[in-house]
């Protein structure tokens, strides 16, 4: 994953996902705001081909995203 994308992910985790995690866990709810933010930033299409609007990322990129997000919110 390139440094700019890694930076976007780090910002998203610190500004959206991590702050929402306590209420997501306490309320046992789906982390809608986090998933919406990931989608808006393009991470939900990370593995899809560019021809269909995705980023054409690798499995290693996807694993890094999952690892980074899960470190802030397991939900």
N, C-alpha and C. Protein backbone atom coordinates (compact mmCIF):
# COMPACT_ATOMS: atom_id res chain seq x y z
N UNK A 1 0.85 -1.17 0.00
CA UNK A 1 0.00 0.00 0.00
C UNK A 1 0.90 1.23 0.00
N UNK A 2 0.54 2.20 -0.81
CA UNK A 2 1.39 3.38 -0.91
C UNK A 2 1.23 4.26 0.35
N UNK A 3 2.23 5.09 0.62
CA UNK A 3 2.21 5.92 1.84
C UNK A 3 0.99 6.85 1.95
N UNK A 4 0.53 7.38 0.84
CA UNK A 4 -0.63 8.28 0.88
C UNK A 4 -1.89 7.54 1.31
N UNK A 5 -2.09 6.35 0.79
CA UNK A 5 -3.25 5.54 1.16
C UNK A 5 -3.14 5.10 2.62
N UNK A 6 -1.95 4.75 3.04
CA UNK A 6 -1.72 4.36 4.43
C UNK A 6 -2.05 5.52 5.37
N UNK A 7 -1.70 6.73 4.96
CA UNK A 7 -1.99 7.92 5.76
C UNK A 7 -3.50 8.19 5.85
N UNK A 8 -4.20 8.01 4.73
CA UNK A 8 -5.67 8.18 4.73
C UNK A 8 -6.30 7.18 5.69
N UNK A 9 -5.83 5.94 5.65
CA UNK A 9 -6.36 4.91 6.54
C UNK A 9 -6.08 5.26 7.99
N UNK A 10 -4.88 5.69 8.30
CA UNK A 10 -4.53 6.05 9.68
C UNK A 10 -5.42 7.18 10.18
N UNK A 11 -5.65 8.18 9.34
CA UNK A 11 -6.52 9.30 9.73
C UNK A 11 -7.94 8.82 9.97
N UNK A 12 -8.44 7.98 9.08
CA UNK A 12 -9.80 7.44 9.22
C UNK A 12 -9.95 6.65 10.51
N UNK A 13 -8.95 5.85 10.82
CA UNK A 13 -8.99 5.06 12.06
C UNK A 13 -8.99 5.98 13.27
N UNK A 14 -8.11 6.96 13.29
CA UNK A 14 -8.01 7.83 14.47
C UNK A 14 -9.17 8.81 14.61
N UNK A 15 -9.76 9.22 13.49
CA UNK A 15 -10.82 10.24 13.54
C UNK A 15 -12.23 9.66 13.57
N UNK A 16 -12.43 8.44 13.05
CA UNK A 16 -13.78 7.88 12.95
C UNK A 16 -13.91 6.56 13.70
N UNK A 17 -13.07 5.60 13.36
CA UNK A 17 -13.24 4.24 13.86
C UNK A 17 -12.92 4.13 15.35
N UNK A 18 -11.78 4.62 15.75
CA UNK A 18 -11.39 4.51 17.16
C UNK A 18 -12.35 5.25 18.10
N UNK A 19 -12.76 6.48 17.77
CA UNK A 19 -13.71 7.16 18.67
C UNK A 19 -15.07 6.46 18.77
N UNK A 20 -15.49 5.77 17.72
CA UNK A 20 -16.80 5.10 17.73
C UNK A 20 -16.75 3.74 18.41
N UNK A 21 -15.58 3.15 18.55
CA UNK A 21 -15.45 1.79 19.05
C UNK A 21 -16.08 1.56 20.43
N UNK A 22 -15.89 2.44 21.40
CA UNK A 22 -16.48 2.17 22.71
C UNK A 22 -18.02 2.06 22.67
N UNK A 23 -18.68 2.94 21.93
CA UNK A 23 -20.14 2.87 21.87
C UNK A 23 -20.60 1.68 21.04
N UNK A 24 -19.86 1.34 20.01
CA UNK A 24 -20.20 0.15 19.21
C UNK A 24 -20.17 -1.09 20.10
N UNK A 25 -19.12 -1.21 20.90
CA UNK A 25 -19.00 -2.37 21.79
C UNK A 25 -20.04 -2.33 22.91
N UNK A 26 -20.20 -1.18 23.54
CA UNK A 26 -21.12 -1.07 24.68
C UNK A 26 -22.57 -1.33 24.27
N UNK A 27 -22.93 -0.87 23.07
CA UNK A 27 -24.30 -1.00 22.60
C UNK A 27 -24.53 -2.26 21.76
N UNK A 28 -23.45 -2.96 21.44
CA UNK A 28 -23.56 -4.16 20.62
C UNK A 28 -24.17 -3.88 19.25
N UNK A 29 -23.78 -2.77 18.66
CA UNK A 29 -24.37 -2.36 17.39
C UNK A 29 -23.37 -2.49 16.24
N UNK A 30 -23.91 -2.49 15.04
CA UNK A 30 -23.09 -2.52 13.83
C UNK A 30 -22.37 -1.18 13.70
N UNK A 31 -21.08 -1.18 13.35
CA UNK A 31 -20.30 0.06 13.25
C UNK A 31 -20.56 0.82 11.94
N UNK A 32 -21.79 1.25 11.75
CA UNK A 32 -22.21 1.88 10.49
C UNK A 32 -21.31 3.05 10.10
N UNK A 33 -21.01 3.96 11.05
CA UNK A 33 -20.20 5.13 10.70
C UNK A 33 -18.81 4.74 10.22
N UNK A 34 -18.27 3.69 10.79
CA UNK A 34 -16.94 3.23 10.39
C UNK A 34 -16.98 2.62 8.99
N UNK A 35 -17.95 1.77 8.73
CA UNK A 35 -18.07 1.15 7.41
C UNK A 35 -18.36 2.21 6.34
N UNK A 36 -19.22 3.16 6.67
CA UNK A 36 -19.49 4.25 5.72
C UNK A 36 -18.23 5.04 5.39
N UNK A 37 -17.44 5.34 6.42
CA UNK A 37 -16.20 6.09 6.20
C UNK A 37 -15.20 5.29 5.37
N UNK A 38 -15.11 3.99 5.62
CA UNK A 38 -14.23 3.14 4.82
C UNK A 38 -14.68 3.13 3.36
N UNK A 39 -15.98 3.05 3.14
CA UNK A 39 -16.51 3.07 1.79
C UNK A 39 -16.24 4.39 1.08
N UNK A 40 -16.50 5.49 1.79
CA UNK A 40 -16.28 6.82 1.20
C UNK A 40 -14.82 7.02 0.81
N UNK A 41 -13.92 6.45 1.59
CA UNK A 41 -12.48 6.58 1.31
C UNK A 41 -11.99 5.59 0.26
N UNK A 42 -12.87 4.67 -0.18
CA UNK A 42 -12.51 3.74 -1.24
C UNK A 42 -11.97 2.40 -0.77
N UNK A 43 -11.93 2.18 0.54
CA UNK A 43 -11.35 0.93 1.03
C UNK A 43 -12.24 -0.29 0.82
N UNK A 44 -13.53 -0.11 0.66
CA UNK A 44 -14.40 -1.27 0.45
C UNK A 44 -14.25 -1.86 -0.94
N UNK A 45 -13.68 -1.10 -1.87
CA UNK A 45 -13.42 -1.59 -3.21
C UNK A 45 -11.95 -1.86 -3.46
N UNK A 46 -11.21 -2.01 -2.40
CA UNK A 46 -9.76 -2.15 -2.49
C UNK A 46 -9.33 -3.30 -3.40
N UNK A 47 -9.99 -4.44 -3.31
CA UNK A 47 -9.59 -5.61 -4.10
C UNK A 47 -10.23 -5.68 -5.47
N UNK A 48 -11.23 -4.84 -5.72
CA UNK A 48 -11.90 -4.86 -7.03
C UNK A 48 -11.00 -4.25 -8.10
N UNK A 49 -11.19 -4.72 -9.31
CA UNK A 49 -10.39 -4.23 -10.45
C UNK A 49 -10.71 -2.76 -10.75
N UNK A 50 -9.73 -2.02 -11.19
CA UNK A 50 -9.97 -0.61 -11.56
C UNK A 50 -11.05 -0.46 -12.64
N UNK A 51 -11.17 -1.46 -13.52
CA UNK A 51 -12.16 -1.39 -14.59
C UNK A 51 -13.59 -1.31 -14.07
N UNK A 52 -13.80 -1.77 -12.84
CA UNK A 52 -15.14 -1.73 -12.26
C UNK A 52 -15.22 -0.73 -11.10
N UNK A 53 -14.25 0.17 -11.04
CA UNK A 53 -14.27 1.22 -10.04
C UNK A 53 -13.50 0.93 -8.77
N UNK A 54 -12.80 -0.18 -8.74
CA UNK A 54 -12.03 -0.53 -7.55
C UNK A 54 -10.61 0.01 -7.60
N UNK A 55 -9.85 -0.33 -6.57
CA UNK A 55 -8.48 0.17 -6.47
C UNK A 55 -7.44 -0.82 -7.01
N UNK A 56 -7.84 -2.05 -7.26
CA UNK A 56 -6.90 -3.04 -7.78
C UNK A 56 -5.82 -3.40 -6.78
N UNK A 57 -6.15 -3.34 -5.51
CA UNK A 57 -5.19 -3.66 -4.47
C UNK A 57 -4.90 -5.14 -4.36
N UNK A 58 -3.89 -5.44 -3.58
CA UNK A 58 -3.47 -6.83 -3.38
C UNK A 58 -4.08 -7.40 -2.09
N UNK A 59 -3.93 -8.71 -1.92
CA UNK A 59 -4.36 -9.32 -0.67
C UNK A 59 -3.56 -8.78 0.52
N UNK A 60 -2.30 -8.45 0.29
CA UNK A 60 -1.49 -7.86 1.36
C UNK A 60 -2.05 -6.49 1.75
N UNK A 61 -2.51 -5.72 0.77
CA UNK A 61 -3.14 -4.42 1.07
C UNK A 61 -4.38 -4.62 1.92
N UNK A 62 -5.20 -5.58 1.53
CA UNK A 62 -6.43 -5.86 2.27
C UNK A 62 -6.12 -6.32 3.69
N UNK A 63 -5.11 -7.17 3.84
CA UNK A 63 -4.73 -7.64 5.17
C UNK A 63 -4.26 -6.48 6.04
N UNK A 64 -3.54 -5.54 5.44
CA UNK A 64 -3.08 -4.37 6.20
C UNK A 64 -4.26 -3.52 6.66
N UNK A 65 -5.25 -3.34 5.79
CA UNK A 65 -6.43 -2.57 6.16
C UNK A 65 -7.17 -3.26 7.31
N UNK A 66 -7.39 -4.56 7.17
CA UNK A 66 -8.10 -5.31 8.22
C UNK A 66 -7.33 -5.24 9.53
N UNK A 67 -6.04 -5.44 9.49
CA UNK A 67 -5.21 -5.40 10.69
C UNK A 67 -5.28 -4.03 11.35
N UNK A 68 -5.20 -2.97 10.55
CA UNK A 68 -5.22 -1.61 11.09
C UNK A 68 -6.57 -1.28 11.71
N UNK A 69 -7.64 -1.60 11.00
CA UNK A 69 -8.99 -1.33 11.51
C UNK A 69 -9.27 -2.16 12.77
N UNK A 70 -8.91 -3.44 12.73
CA UNK A 70 -9.19 -4.32 13.86
C UNK A 70 -8.41 -3.92 15.11
N UNK A 71 -7.29 -3.26 14.94
CA UNK A 71 -6.52 -2.82 16.10
C UNK A 71 -7.25 -1.71 16.87
N UNK A 72 -8.18 -1.04 16.19
CA UNK A 72 -8.94 0.04 16.82
C UNK A 72 -10.35 -0.38 17.20
N UNK A 73 -10.93 -1.31 16.42
CA UNK A 73 -12.30 -1.75 16.67
C UNK A 73 -12.47 -3.16 16.12
N UNK A 74 -12.67 -4.11 16.99
CA UNK A 74 -12.85 -5.49 16.59
C UNK A 74 -14.16 -5.76 15.89
N UNK A 75 -15.11 -4.87 16.03
CA UNK A 75 -16.41 -5.08 15.39
C UNK A 75 -16.36 -4.78 13.92
